[in-house]
Amino acid sequence: MAGTVTLKESPFTGSVWERTLTYVLTTTSGGDEITLHVPISGILTSVICKVGEAAGITGTLTLAIDDNNDNEIFTVASLAESTTYSYEMYKTIYGGLTVGVNPSDDPTSSTWTITVTLRGLA
């Protein structure tokens, strides 16, 4: 059976941005929160967190995002390894964000990679 698809495009007057942060935890990371400040102004519309495999442990982590005034605007806990999570939101950002991952423990035999992708509108 054949079909057709029609796409109606509307003019887009804004600017879309994406920032990808890659955290690599080692066997000596200390199990402590690792943060990175990302200079961004605009609207944060989505957060995607890809939690890689944590070798030798049953790893979970907490993802937290603070605004430029150190107000926590987003947090989620108990993110399991080998899983991708996606969150939609509409948060006004001015000046930047601090994105932190706080692992339950360090991997025991190799690295543990967590990728956080931020998407939004300028």
PDB file of N, CA and C in Angstrom:
ATOM      1  N   MET A   1       0.852  -1.172   0.000  1.00  0.00           N
ATOM      2  CA  MET A   1       0.000   0.000   0.000  1.00  0.00           C
ATOM      3  C   MET A   1       0.898   1.236   0.000  1.00  0.00           C
ATOM      4  N   ALA A   2       0.622   2.174  -0.863  1.00  0.00           N
ATOM      5  CA  ALA A   2       1.393   3.403  -0.959  1.00  0.00           C
ATOM      6  C   ALA A   2       0.699   4.491  -0.162  1.00  0.00           C
ATOM      7  N   GLY A   3       1.453   5.475   0.248  1.00  0.00           N
ATOM      8  CA  GLY A   3       0.892   6.594   0.983  1.00  0.00           C
ATOM      9  C   GLY A   3       1.668   7.856   0.692  1.00  0.00           C
ATOM     10  N   THR A   4       1.165   8.975   1.144  1.00  0.00           N
ATOM     11  CA  THR A   4       1.856  10.244   0.976  1.00  0.00           C
ATOM     12  C   THR A   4       1.929  10.949   2.311  1.00  0.00           C
ATOM     13  N   VAL A   5       2.920  11.795   2.415  1.00  0.00           N
ATOM     14  CA  VAL A   5       3.105  12.597   3.613  1.00  0.00           C
ATOM     15  C   VAL A   5       3.303  14.036   3.177  1.00  0.00           C
ATOM     16  N   THR A   6       2.620  14.948   3.827  1.00  0.00           N
ATOM     17  CA  THR A   6       2.761  16.358   3.514  1.00  0.00           C
ATOM     18  C   THR A   6       3.290  17.077   4.745  1.00  0.00           C
ATOM     19  N   LEU A   7       4.261  17.940   4.503  1.00  0.00           N
ATOM     20  CA  LEU A   7       4.846  18.721   5.578  1.00  0.00           C
ATOM     21  C   LEU A   7       4.577  20.183   5.310  1.00  0.00           C
ATOM     22  N   LYS A   8       3.940  20.853   6.249  1.00  0.00           N
ATOM     23  CA  LYS A   8       3.724  22.279   6.128  1.00  0.00           C
ATOM     24  C   LYS A   8       4.753  22.969   7.012  1.00  0.00           C
ATOM     25  N   GLU A   9       5.596  23.750   6.373  1.00  0.00           N
ATOM     26  CA  GLU A   9       6.645  24.438   7.102  1.00  0.00           C
ATOM     27  C   GLU A   9       6.206  25.847   7.447  1.00  0.00           C
ATOM     28  N   SER A  10       6.443  26.220   8.678  1.00  0.00           N
ATOM     29  CA  SER A  10       6.188  27.586   9.117  1.00  0.00           C
ATOM     30  C   SER A  10       7.520  28.291   9.254  1.00  0.00           C
ATOM     31  N   PRO A  11       7.553  29.581   8.960  1.00  0.00           N
ATOM     32  CA  PRO A  11       8.825  30.301   9.123  1.00  0.00           C
ATOM     33  C   PRO A  11       9.260  30.293  10.578  1.00  0.00           C
ATOM     34  N   PHE A  12      10.533  30.104  10.777  1.00  0.00           N
ATOM     35  CA  PHE A  12      11.087  30.085  12.130  1.00  0.00           C
ATOM     36  C   PHE A  12      11.957  31.313  12.292  1.00  0.00           C
ATOM     37  N   THR A  13      11.619  32.159  13.235  1.00  0.00           N
ATOM     38  CA  THR A  13      12.346  33.411  13.403  1.00  0.00           C
ATOM     39  C   THR A  13      13.363  33.365  14.532  1.00  0.00           C
ATOM     40  N   GLY A  14      13.408  32.275  15.255  1.00  0.00           N
ATOM     41  CA  GLY A  14      14.334  32.158  16.376  1.00  0.00           C
ATOM     42  C   GLY A  14      15.607  31.442  16.000  1.00  0.00           C
ATOM     43  N   SER A  15      16.389  31.150  16.987  1.00  0.00           N
ATOM     44  CA  SER A  15      17.640  30.437  16.793  1.00  0.00           C
ATOM     45  C   SER A  15      17.691  29.272  17.775  1.00  0.00           C
ATOM     46  N   VAL A  16      17.967  28.094  17.256  1.00  0.00           N
ATOM     47  CA  VAL A  16      18.031  26.884  18.075  1.00  0.00           C
ATOM     48  C   VAL A  16      19.486  26.621  18.441  1.00  0.00           C
ATOM     49  N   TRP A  17      19.731  26.204  19.686  1.00  0.00           N
ATOM     50  CA  TRP A  17      21.085  25.849  20.098  1.00  0.00           C
ATOM     51  C   TRP A  17      21.088  24.473  20.745  1.00  0.00           C
ATOM     52  N   GLU A  18      22.263  23.873  20.715  1.00  0.00           N
ATOM     53  CA  GLU A  18      22.475  22.581  21.359  1.00  0.00           C
ATOM     54  C   GLU A  18      23.878  22.560  21.937  1.00  0.00           C
ATOM     55  N   ARG A  19      24.000  22.078  23.151  1.00  0.00           N
ATOM     56  CA  ARG A  19      25.300  21.902  23.794  1.00  0.00           C
ATOM     57  C   ARG A  19      25.368  20.478  24.318  1.00  0.00           C
ATOM     58  N   THR A  20      26.480  19.803  24.035  1.00  0.00           N
ATOM     59  CA  THR A  20      26.672  18.439  24.502  1.00  0.00           C
ATOM     60  C   THR A  20      27.841  18.401  25.468  1.00  0.00           C
ATOM     61  N   LEU A  21      27.603  17.892  26.659  1.00  0.00           N
ATOM     62  CA  LEU A  21      28.614  17.785  27.698  1.00  0.00           C
ATOM     63  C   LEU A  21      28.899  16.306  27.909  1.00  0.00           C
ATOM     64  N   THR A  22      30.174  15.937  27.916  1.00  0.00           N
ATOM     65  CA  THR A  22      30.554  14.547  28.123  1.00  0.00           C
ATOM     66  C   THR A  22      31.376  14.447  29.398  1.00  0.00           C
ATOM     67  N   TYR A  23      30.881  13.677  30.328  1.00  0.00           N
ATOM     68  CA  TYR A  23      31.564  13.437  31.594  1.00  0.00           C
ATOM     69  C   TYR A  23      32.175  12.045  31.523  1.00  0.00           C
ATOM     70  N   VAL A  24      33.457  11.933  31.815  1.00  0.00           N
ATOM     71  CA  VAL A  24      34.126  10.641  31.830  1.00  0.00           C
ATOM     72  C   VAL A  24      34.646  10.411  33.245  1.00  0.00           C
ATOM     73  N   LEU A  25      34.045   9.456  33.933  1.00  0.00           N
ATOM     74  CA  LEU A  25      34.438   9.141  35.307  1.00  0.00           C
ATOM     75  C   LEU A  25      35.430   7.984  35.268  1.00  0.00           C
ATOM     76  N   THR A  26      36.466   8.097  36.076  1.00  0.00           N
ATOM     77  CA  THR A  26      37.485   7.063  36.139  1.00  0.00           C
ATOM     78  C   THR A  26      37.414   6.344  37.479  1.00  0.00           C
ATOM     79  N   THR A  27      38.265   5.354  37.642  1.00  0.00           N
ATOM     80  CA  THR A  27      38.283   4.590  38.896  1.00  0.00           C
ATOM     81  C   THR A  27      38.744   5.439  40.070  1.00  0.00           C
ATOM     82  N   THR A  28      39.293   6.616  39.809  1.00  0.00           N
ATOM     83  CA  THR A  28      39.781   7.482  40.888  1.00  0.00           C
ATOM     84  C   THR A  28      39.032   8.807  40.959  1.00  0.00           C
ATOM     85  N   SER A  29      37.818   8.874  40.402  1.00  0.00           N
ATOM     86  CA  SER A  29      37.053  10.128  40.406  1.00  0.00           C
ATOM     87  C   SER A  29      36.556  10.505  41.794  1.00  0.00           C
ATOM     88  N   GLY A  30      36.513   9.567  42.704  1.00  0.00           N
ATOM     89  CA  GLY A  30      36.118   9.868  44.071  1.00  0.00           C
ATOM     90  C   GLY A  30      34.624   9.790  44.332  1.00  0.00           C
ATOM     91  N   GLY A  31      33.826   9.432  43.332  1.00  0.00           N
ATOM     92  CA  GLY A  31      32.384   9.350  43.528  1.00  0.00           C
ATOM     93  C   GLY A  31      31.756  10.689  43.853  1.00  0.00           C
ATOM     94  N   ASP A  32      32.435  11.788  43.525  1.00  0.00           N
ATOM     95  CA  ASP A  32      31.945  13.126  43.841  1.00  0.00           C
ATOM     96  C   ASP A  32      31.261  13.751  42.635  1.00  0.00           C
ATOM     97  N   GLU A  33      30.447  14.768  42.899  1.00  0.00           N
ATOM     98  CA  GLU A  33      29.782  15.497  41.825  1.00  0.00           C
ATOM     99  C   GLU A  33      30.817  16.207  40.957  1.00  0.00           C
ATOM    100  N   ILE A  34      30.607  16.137  39.652  1.00  0.00           N
ATOM    101  CA  ILE A  34      31.445  16.837  38.692  1.00  0.00           C
ATOM    102  C   ILE A  34      30.551  17.851  37.995  1.00  0.00           C
ATOM    103  N   THR A  35      30.957  19.118  37.989  1.00  0.00           N
ATOM    104  CA  THR A  35      30.128  20.167  37.405  1.00  0.00           C
ATOM    105  C   THR A  35      30.865  20.887  36.292  1.00  0.00           C
ATOM    106  N   LEU A  36      30.081  21.501  35.426  1.00  0.00           N
ATOM    107  CA  LEU A  36      30.628  22.321  34.357  1.00  0.00           C
ATOM    108  C   LEU A  36      29.675  23.479  34.131  1.00  0.00           C
ATOM    109  N   HIS A  37      30.233  24.699  34.071  1.00  0.00           N
ATOM    110  CA  HIS A  37      29.430  25.885  33.780  1.00  0.00           C
ATOM    111  C   HIS A  37      29.351  26.055  32.265  1.00  0.00           C
ATOM    112  N   VAL A  38      28.142  26.251  31.759  1.00  0.00           N
ATOM    113  CA  VAL A  38      27.907  26.421  30.328  1.00  0.00           C
ATOM    114  C   VAL A  38      27.278  27.795  30.113  1.00  0.00           C
ATOM    115  N   PRO A  39      27.994  28.702  29.449  1.00  0.00           N
ATOM    116  CA  PRO A  39      27.412  30.025  29.198  1.00  0.00           C
ATOM    117  C   PRO A  39      26.318  29.954  28.123  1.00  0.00           C
ATOM    118  N   ILE A  40      25.088  30.177  28.532  1.00  0.00           N
ATOM    119  CA  ILE A  40      23.926  30.116  27.637  1.00  0.00           C
ATOM    120  C   ILE A  40      22.909  31.143  28.119  1.00  0.00           C
ATOM    121  N   SER A  41      22.271  31.818  27.175  1.00  0.00           N
ATOM    122  CA  SER A  41      21.098  32.632  27.476  1.00  0.00           C
ATOM    123  C   SER A  41      20.006  32.235  26.498  1.00  0.00           C
ATOM    124  N   GLY A  42      18.785  32.138  26.971  1.00  0.00           N
ATOM    125  CA  GLY A  42      17.670  31.752  26.123  1.00  0.00           C
ATOM    126  C   GLY A  42      16.689  30.886  26.882  1.00  0.00           C
ATOM    127  N   ILE A  43      16.048  29.984  26.166  1.00  0.00           N
ATOM    128  CA  ILE A  43      15.056  29.077  26.747  1.00  0.00           C
ATOM    129  C   ILE A  43      15.596  27.652  26.658  1.00  0.00           C
ATOM    130  N   LEU A  44      15.721  26.991  27.797  1.00  0.00           N
ATOM    131  CA  LEU A  44      16.101  25.585  27.831  1.00  0.00           C
ATOM    132  C   LEU A  44      14.848  24.762  27.591  1.00  0.00           C
ATOM    133  N   THR A  45      14.845  23.974  26.504  1.00  0.00           N
ATOM    134  CA  THR A  45      13.633  23.227  26.152  1.00  0.00           C
ATOM    135  C   THR A  45      13.751  21.726  26.376  1.00  0.00           C
ATOM    136  N   SER A  46      14.974  21.183  26.348  1.00  0.00           N
ATOM    137  CA  SER A  46      15.093  19.751  26.604  1.00  0.00           C
ATOM    138  C   SER A  46      16.468  19.393  27.147  1.00  0.00           C
ATOM    139  N   VAL A  47      16.460  18.330  27.921  1.00  0.00           N
ATOM    140  CA  VAL A  47      17.685  17.758  28.477  1.00  0.00           C
ATOM    141  C   VAL A  47      17.656  16.270  28.169  1.00  0.00           C
ATOM    142  N   ILE A  48      18.729  15.781  27.554  1.00  0.00           N
ATOM    143  CA  ILE A  48      18.858  14.351  27.273  1.00  0.00           C
ATOM    144  C   ILE A  48      20.098  13.862  28.011  1.00  0.00           C
ATOM    145  N   CYS A  49      19.936  12.838  28.806  1.00  0.00           N
ATOM    146  CA  CYS A  49      21.049  12.289  29.578  1.00  0.00           C
ATOM    147  C   CYS A  49      21.239  10.827  29.184  1.00  0.00           C
ATOM    148  N   LYS A  50      22.390  10.554  28.576  1.00  0.00           N
ATOM    149  CA  LYS A  50      22.732   9.185  28.178  1.00  0.00           C
ATOM    150  C   LYS A  50      23.758   8.664  29.177  1.00  0.00           C
ATOM    151  N   VAL A  51      23.336   7.691  29.974  1.00  0.00           N
ATOM    152  CA  VAL A  51      24.174   7.130  31.023  1.00  0.00           C
ATOM    153  C   VAL A  51      24.789   5.837  30.487  1.00  0.00           C
ATOM    154  N   GLY A  52      26.093   5.845  30.327  1.00  0.00           N
ATOM    155  CA  GLY A  52      26.781   4.659  29.814  1.00  0.00           C
ATOM    156  C   GLY A  52      26.883   3.557  30.856  1.00  0.00           C
ATOM    157  N   GLU A  53      27.535   2.483  30.468  1.00  0.00           N
ATOM    158  CA  GLU A  53      27.726   1.353  31.362  1.00  0.00           C
ATOM    159  C   GLU A  53      28.808   1.667  32.391  1.00  0.00           C
ATOM    160  N   ALA A  54      28.529   1.371  33.640  1.00  0.00           N
ATOM    161  CA  ALA A  54      29.483   1.572  34.732  1.00  0.00           C
ATOM    162  C   ALA A  54      30.122   0.236  35.061  1.00  0.00           C
ATOM    163  N   ALA A  55      31.355   0.048  34.618  1.00  0.00           N
ATOM    164  CA  ALA A  55      32.028  -1.243  34.771  1.00  0.00           C
ATOM    165  C   ALA A  55      32.247  -1.598  36.237  1.00  0.00           C
ATOM    166  N   GLY A  56      31.798  -2.796  36.613  1.00  0.00           N
ATOM    167  CA  GLY A  56      32.082  -3.333  37.931  1.00  0.00           C
ATOM    168  C   GLY A  56      31.149  -2.910  39.040  1.00  0.00           C
ATOM    169  N   ILE A  57      30.210  -2.013  38.761  1.00  0.00           N
ATOM    170  CA  ILE A  57      29.261  -1.587  39.791  1.00  0.00           C
ATOM    171  C   ILE A  57      27.867  -1.512  39.182  1.00  0.00           C
ATOM    172  N   THR A  58      26.865  -1.439  40.027  1.00  0.00           N
ATOM    173  CA  THR A  58      25.519  -1.124  39.578  1.00  0.00           C
ATOM    174  C   THR A  58      25.350   0.368  39.806  1.00  0.00           C
ATOM    175  N   GLY A  59      25.785   1.146  38.838  1.00  0.00           N
ATOM    176  CA  GLY A  59      25.868   2.588  39.028  1.00  0.00           C
ATOM    177  C   GLY A  59      24.578   3.330  38.750  1.00  0.00           C
ATOM    178  N   THR A  60      24.324   4.327  39.584  1.00  0.00           N
ATOM    179  CA  THR A  60      23.262   5.298  39.338  1.00  0.00           C
ATOM    180  C   THR A  60      23.875   6.675  39.529  1.00  0.00           C
ATOM    181  N   LEU A  61      23.153   7.687  39.075  1.00  0.00           N
ATOM    182  CA  LEU A  61      23.664   9.040  39.275  1.00  0.00           C
ATOM    183  C   LEU A  61      22.524  10.017  39.419  1.00  0.00           C
ATOM    184  N   THR A  62      22.870  11.187  39.927  1.00  0.00           N
ATOM    185  CA  THR A  62      21.947  12.308  40.018  1.00  0.00           C
ATOM    186  C   THR A  62      22.412  13.362  39.043  1.00  0.00           C
ATOM    187  N   LEU A  63      21.478  13.918  38.285  1.00  0.00           N
ATOM    188  CA  LEU A  63      21.756  15.009  37.364  1.00  0.00           C
ATOM    189  C   LEU A  63      21.094  16.258  37.934  1.00  0.00           C
ATOM    190  N   ALA A  64      21.870  17.330  38.066  1.00  0.00           N
ATOM    191  CA  ALA A  64      21.338  18.582  38.605  1.00  0.00           C
ATOM    192  C   ALA A  64      21.777  19.744  37.726  1.00  0.00           C
ATOM    193  N   ILE A  65      20.862  20.677  37.515  1.00  0.00           N
ATOM    194  CA  ILE A  65      21.160  21.872  36.724  1.00  0.00           C
ATOM    195  C   ILE A  65      20.793  23.090  37.559  1.00  0.00           C
ATOM    196  N   ASP A  66      21.765  23.988  37.723  1.00  0.00           N
ATOM    197  CA  ASP A  66      21.570  25.234  38.460  1.00  0.00           C
ATOM    198  C   ASP A  66      21.649  26.407  37.499  1.00  0.00           C
ATOM    199  N   ASP A  67      20.888  27.475  37.797  1.00  0.00           N
ATOM    200  CA  ASP A  67      20.974  28.669  36.961  1.00  0.00           C
ATOM    201  C   ASP A  67      22.178  29.509  37.368  1.00  0.00           C
ATOM    202  N   ASN A  68      22.305  30.667  36.755  1.00  0.00           N
ATOM    203  CA  ASN A  68      23.465  31.531  36.971  1.00  0.00           C
ATOM    204  C   ASN A  68      23.559  32.065  38.403  1.00  0.00           C
ATOM    205  N   ASN A  69      22.443  32.039  39.146  1.00  0.00           N
ATOM    206  CA  ASN A  69      22.424  32.501  40.537  1.00  0.00           C
ATOM    207  C   ASN A  69      22.464  31.352  41.527  1.00  0.00           C
ATOM    208  N   ASP A  70      22.880  30.164  41.066  1.00  0.00           N
ATOM    209  CA  ASP A  70      23.012  28.974  41.892  1.00  0.00           C
ATOM    210  C   ASP A  70      21.674  28.463  42.431  1.00  0.00           C
ATOM    211  N   ASN A  71      20.575  28.746  41.708  1.00  0.00           N
ATOM    212  CA  ASN A  71      19.267  28.185  42.042  1.00  0.00           C
ATOM    213  C   ASN A  71      19.106  26.879  41.272  1.00  0.00           C
ATOM    214  N   GLU A  72      18.763  25.822  41.970  1.00  0.00           N
ATOM    215  CA  GLU A  72      18.574  24.539  41.290  1.00  0.00           C
ATOM    216  C   GLU A  72      17.260  24.595  40.511  1.00  0.00           C
ATOM    217  N   ILE A  73      17.348  24.473  39.176  1.00  0.00           N
ATOM    218  CA  ILE A  73      16.157  24.559  38.339  1.00  0.00           C
ATOM    219  C   ILE A  73      15.697  23.192  37.835  1.00  0.00           C
ATOM    220  N   PHE A  74      16.572  22.183  37.967  1.00  0.00           N
ATOM    221  CA  PHE A  74      16.207  20.837  37.520  1.00  0.00           C
ATOM    222  C   PHE A  74      17.086  19.835  38.254  1.00  0.00           C
ATOM    223  N   THR A  75      16.470  18.764  38.729  1.00  0.00           N
ATOM    224  CA  THR A  75      17.230  17.672  39.324  1.00  0.00           C
ATOM    225  C   THR A  75      16.450  16.367  39.145  1.00  0.00           C
ATOM    226  N   VAL A  76      17.194  15.310  38.923  1.00  0.00           N
ATOM    227  CA  VAL A  76      16.600  13.989  38.841  1.00  0.00           C
ATOM    228  C   VAL A  76      17.623  13.001  39.388  1.00  0.00           C
ATOM    229  N   ALA A  77      17.146  12.066  40.202  1.00  0.00           N
ATOM    230  CA  ALA A  77      18.041  11.127  40.878  1.00  0.00           C
ATOM    231  C   ALA A  77      17.804   9.701  40.386  1.00  0.00           C
ATOM    232  N   SER A  78      18.718   8.830  40.750  1.00  0.00           N
ATOM    233  CA  SER A  78      18.640   7.396  40.482  1.00  0.00           C
ATOM    234  C   SER A  78      18.566   7.058  38.999  1.00  0.00           C
ATOM    235  N   LEU A  79      19.330   7.792  38.181  1.00  0.00           N
ATOM    236  CA  LEU A  79      19.417   7.455  36.765  1.00  0.00           C
ATOM    237  C   LEU A  79      20.306   6.221  36.627  1.00  0.00           C
ATOM    238  N   ALA A  80      19.769   5.168  36.039  1.00  0.00           N
ATOM    239  CA  ALA A  80      20.477   3.891  35.953  1.00  0.00           C
ATOM    240  C   ALA A  80      21.436   3.870  34.768  1.00  0.00           C
ATOM    241  N   GLU A  81      22.483   3.074  34.915  1.00  0.00           N
ATOM    242  CA  GLU A  81      23.464   2.929  33.838  1.00  0.00           C
ATOM    243  C   GLU A  81      22.838   2.286  32.611  1.00  0.00           C
ATOM    244  N   SER A  82      23.496   2.486  31.467  1.00  0.00           N
ATOM    245  CA  SER A  82      23.088   1.911  30.180  1.00  0.00           C
ATOM    246  C   SER A  82      21.677   2.305  29.763  1.00  0.00           C
ATOM    247  N   THR A  83      21.287   3.545  30.081  1.00  0.00           N
ATOM    248  CA  THR A  83      19.948   4.032  29.772  1.00  0.00           C
ATOM    249  C   THR A  83      20.027   5.482  29.306  1.00  0.00           C
ATOM    250  N   THR A  84      19.108   5.870  28.409  1.00  0.00           N
ATOM    251  CA  THR A  84      19.000   7.259  27.966  1.00  0.00           C
ATOM    252  C   THR A  84      17.685   7.831  28.464  1.00  0.00           C
ATOM    253  N   TYR A  85      17.753   9.023  29.038  1.00  0.00           N
ATOM    254  CA  TYR A  85      16.591   9.710  29.594  1.00  0.00           C
ATOM    255  C   TYR A  85      16.386  11.021  28.848  1.00  0.00           C
ATOM    256  N   SER A  86      15.132  11.402  28.643  1.00  0.00           N
ATOM    257  CA  SER A  86      14.831  12.644  27.946  1.00  0.00           C
ATOM    258  C   SER A  86      13.778  13.425  28.734  1.00  0.00           C
ATOM    259  N   TYR A  87      14.020  14.714  28.911  1.00  0.00           N
ATOM    260  CA  TYR A  87      13.119  15.571  29.679  1.00  0.00           C
ATOM    261  C   TYR A  87      12.824  16.830  28.877  1.00  0.00           C
ATOM    262  N   GLU A  88      11.565  17.213  28.832  1.00  0.00           N
ATOM    263  CA  GLU A  88      11.153  18.437  28.150  1.00  0.00           C
ATOM    264  C   GLU A  88      10.808  19.480  29.204  1.00  0.00           C
ATOM    265  N   MET A  89      11.123  20.724  28.906  1.00  0.00           N
ATOM    266  CA  MET A  89      10.869  21.802  29.859  1.00  0.00           C
ATOM    267  C   MET A  89      10.839  23.129  29.133  1.00  0.00           C
ATOM    268  N   TYR A  90      10.570  24.170  29.849  1.00  0.00           N
ATOM    269  CA  TYR A  90      10.583  25.523  29.311  1.00  0.00           C
ATOM    270  C   TYR A  90      11.116  26.429  30.417  1.00  0.00           C
ATOM    271  N   LYS A  91      12.432  26.592  30.445  1.00  0.00           N
ATOM    272  CA  LYS A  91      13.092  27.353  31.504  1.00  0.00           C
ATOM    273  C   LYS A  91      13.854  28.524  30.894  1.00  0.00           C
ATOM    274  N   THR A  92      13.609  29.719  31.383  1.00  0.00           N
ATOM    275  CA  THR A  92      14.331  30.896  30.926  1.00  0.00           C
ATOM    276  C   THR A  92      15.714  30.911  31.575  1.00  0.00           C
ATOM    277  N   ILE A  93      16.743  31.073  30.736  1.00  0.00           N
ATOM    278  CA  ILE A  93      18.129  31.046  31.210  1.00  0.00           C
ATOM    279  C   ILE A  93      18.794  32.363  30.842  1.00  0.00           C
ATOM    280  N   TYR A  94      19.495  32.963  31.802  1.00  0.00           N
ATOM    281  CA  TYR A  94      20.255  34.172  31.523  1.00  0.00           C
ATOM    282  C   TYR A  94      21.662  34.017  32.088  1.00  0.00           C
ATOM    283  N   GLY A  95      22.657  34.073  31.241  1.00  0.00           N
ATOM    284  CA  GLY A  95      24.042  34.039  31.691  1.00  0.00           C
ATOM    285  C   GLY A  95      24.685  32.671  31.701  1.00  0.00           C
ATOM    286  N   GLY A  96      23.923  31.638  31.973  1.00  0.00           N
ATOM    287  CA  GLY A  96      24.517  30.311  31.951  1.00  0.00           C
ATOM    288  C   GLY A  96      23.871  29.338  32.911  1.00  0.00           C
ATOM    289  N   LEU A  97      24.341  28.113  32.815  1.00  0.00           N
ATOM    290  CA  LEU A  97      23.885  27.000  33.646  1.00  0.00           C
ATOM    291  C   LEU A  97      25.091  26.272  34.199  1.00  0.00           C
ATOM    292  N   THR A  98      24.930  25.667  35.354  1.00  0.00           N
ATOM    293  CA  THR A  98      25.916  24.739  35.869  1.00  0.00           C
ATOM    294  C   THR A  98      25.271  23.362  35.874  1.00  0.00           C
ATOM    295  N   VAL A  99      25.876  22.450  35.124  1.00  0.00           N
ATOM    296  CA  VAL A  99      25.331  21.104  34.978  1.00  0.00           C
ATOM    297  C   VAL A  99      26.234  20.150  35.747  1.00  0.00           C
ATOM    298  N   GLY A 100      25.646  19.406  36.675  1.00  0.00           N
ATOM    299  CA  GLY A 100      26.432  18.495  37.498  1.00  0.00           C
ATOM    300  C   GLY A 100      25.905  17.075  37.455  1.00  0.00           C
ATOM    301  N   VAL A 101      26.823  16.118  37.448  1.00  0.00           N
ATOM    302  CA  VAL A 101      26.469  14.713  37.615  1.00  0.00           C
ATOM    303  C   VAL A 101      27.133  14.223  38.897  1.00  0.00           C
ATOM    304  N   ASN A 102      26.363  13.500  39.673  1.00  0.00           N
ATOM    305  CA  ASN A 102      26.845  12.992  40.951  1.00  0.00           C
ATOM    306  C   ASN A 102      26.663  11.474  40.956  1.00  0.00           C
ATOM    307  N   PRO A 103      27.737  10.716  40.720  1.00  0.00           N
ATOM    308  CA  PRO A 103      27.629   9.262  40.638  1.00  0.00           C
ATOM    309  C   PRO A 103      27.488   8.616  42.011  1.00  0.00           C
ATOM    310  N   SER A 104      26.830   7.461  42.018  1.00  0.00           N
ATOM    311  CA  SER A 104      26.704   6.705  43.266  1.00  0.00           C
ATOM    312  C   SER A 104      28.049   6.145  43.706  1.00  0.00           C
ATOM    313  N   ASP A 105      28.929   5.866  42.747  1.00  0.00           N
ATOM    314  CA  ASP A 105      30.230   5.272  43.033  1.00  0.00           C
ATOM    315  C   ASP A 105      31.080   5.396  41.779  1.00  0.00           C
ATOM    316  N   ASP A 106      32.355   5.095  41.892  1.00  0.00           N
ATOM    317  CA  ASP A 106      33.243   5.075  40.735  1.00  0.00           C
ATOM    318  C   ASP A 106      33.190   3.713  40.059  1.00  0.00           C
ATOM    319  N   PRO A 107      33.423   3.668  38.743  1.00  0.00           N
ATOM    320  CA  PRO A 107      33.571   2.364  38.098  1.00  0.00           C
ATOM    321  C   PRO A 107      34.813   1.678  38.654  1.00  0.00           C
ATOM    322  N   THR A 108      34.825   0.359  38.654  1.00  0.00           N
ATOM    323  CA  THR A 108      35.946  -0.355  39.274  1.00  0.00           C
ATOM    324  C   THR A 108      37.035  -0.776  38.302  1.00  0.00           C
ATOM    325  N   SER A 109      36.712  -0.857  36.992  1.00  0.00           N
ATOM    326  CA  SER A 109      37.737  -1.379  36.094  1.00  0.00           C
ATOM    327  C   SER A 109      37.955  -0.565  34.820  1.00  0.00           C
ATOM    328  N   SER A 110      37.151   0.422  34.556  1.00  0.00           N
ATOM    329  CA  SER A 110      37.362   1.256  33.374  1.00  0.00           C
ATOM    330  C   SER A 110      36.651   2.586  33.587  1.00  0.00           C
ATOM    331  N   THR A 111      36.433   3.327  32.523  1.00  0.00           N
ATOM    332  CA  THR A 111      35.758   4.616  32.656  1.00  0.00           C
ATOM    333  C   THR A 111      34.244   4.462  32.524  1.00  0.00           C
ATOM    334  N   TRP A 112      33.532   5.469  32.991  1.00  0.00           N
ATOM    335  CA  TRP A 112      32.075   5.530  32.919  1.00  0.00           C
ATOM    336  C   TRP A 112      31.737   6.843  32.239  1.00  0.00           C
ATOM    337  N   THR A 113      31.088   6.795  31.084  1.00  0.00           N
ATOM    338  CA  THR A 113      30.801   7.991  30.315  1.00  0.00           C
ATOM    339  C   THR A 113      29.328   8.364  30.425  1.00  0.00           C
ATOM    340  N   ILE A 114      29.088   9.628  30.755  1.00  0.00           N
ATOM    341  CA  ILE A 114      27.731  10.181  30.832  1.00  0.00           C
ATOM    342  C   ILE A 114      27.701  11.369  29.874  1.00  0.00           C
ATOM    343  N   THR A 115      26.728  11.393  28.974  1.00  0.00           N
ATOM    344  CA  THR A 115      26.592  12.487  28.016  1.00  0.00           C
ATOM    345  C   THR A 115      25.290  13.222  28.293  1.00  0.00           C
ATOM    346  N   VAL A 116      25.396  14.540  28.473  1.00  0.00           N
ATOM    347  CA  VAL A 116      24.207  15.376  28.703  1.00  0.00           C
ATOM    348  C   VAL A 116      24.092  16.339  27.530  1.00  0.00           C
ATOM    349  N   THR A 117      22.947  16.313  26.865  1.00  0.00           N
ATOM    350  CA  THR A 117      22.693  17.222  25.760  1.00  0.00           C
ATOM    351  C   THR A 117      21.618  18.213  26.187  1.00  0.00           C
ATOM    352  N   LEU A 118      21.927  19.493  26.041  1.00  0.00           N
ATOM    353  CA  LEU A 118      20.995  20.575  26.333  1.00  0.00           C
ATOM    354  C   LEU A 118      20.537  21.164  25.015  1.00  0.00           C
ATOM    355  N   ARG A 119      19.252  21.386  24.857  1.00  0.00           N
ATOM    356  CA  ARG A 119      18.718  22.016  23.647  1.00  0.00           C
ATOM    357  C   ARG A 119      17.798  23.146  24.047  1.00  0.00           C
ATOM    358  N   GLY A 120      17.799  24.179  23.217  1.00  0.00           N
ATOM    359  CA  GLY A 120      16.940  25.300  23.538  1.00  0.00           C
ATOM    360  C   GLY A 120      16.838  26.310  22.415  1.00  0.00           C
ATOM    361  N   LEU A 121      16.232  27.440  22.764  1.00  0.00           N
ATOM    362  CA  LEU A 121      16.007  28.535  21.829  1.00  0.00           C
ATOM    363  C   LEU A 121      16.711  29.788  22.341  1.00  0.00           C
ATOM    364  N   ALA A 122      17.307  30.529  21.425  1.00  0.00           N
ATOM    365  CA  ALA A 122      17.974  31.782  21.802  1.00  0.00           C
ATOM    366  C   ALA A 122      16.962  32.906  21.874  1.00  0.00           C
TER     367      ALA A 122
END
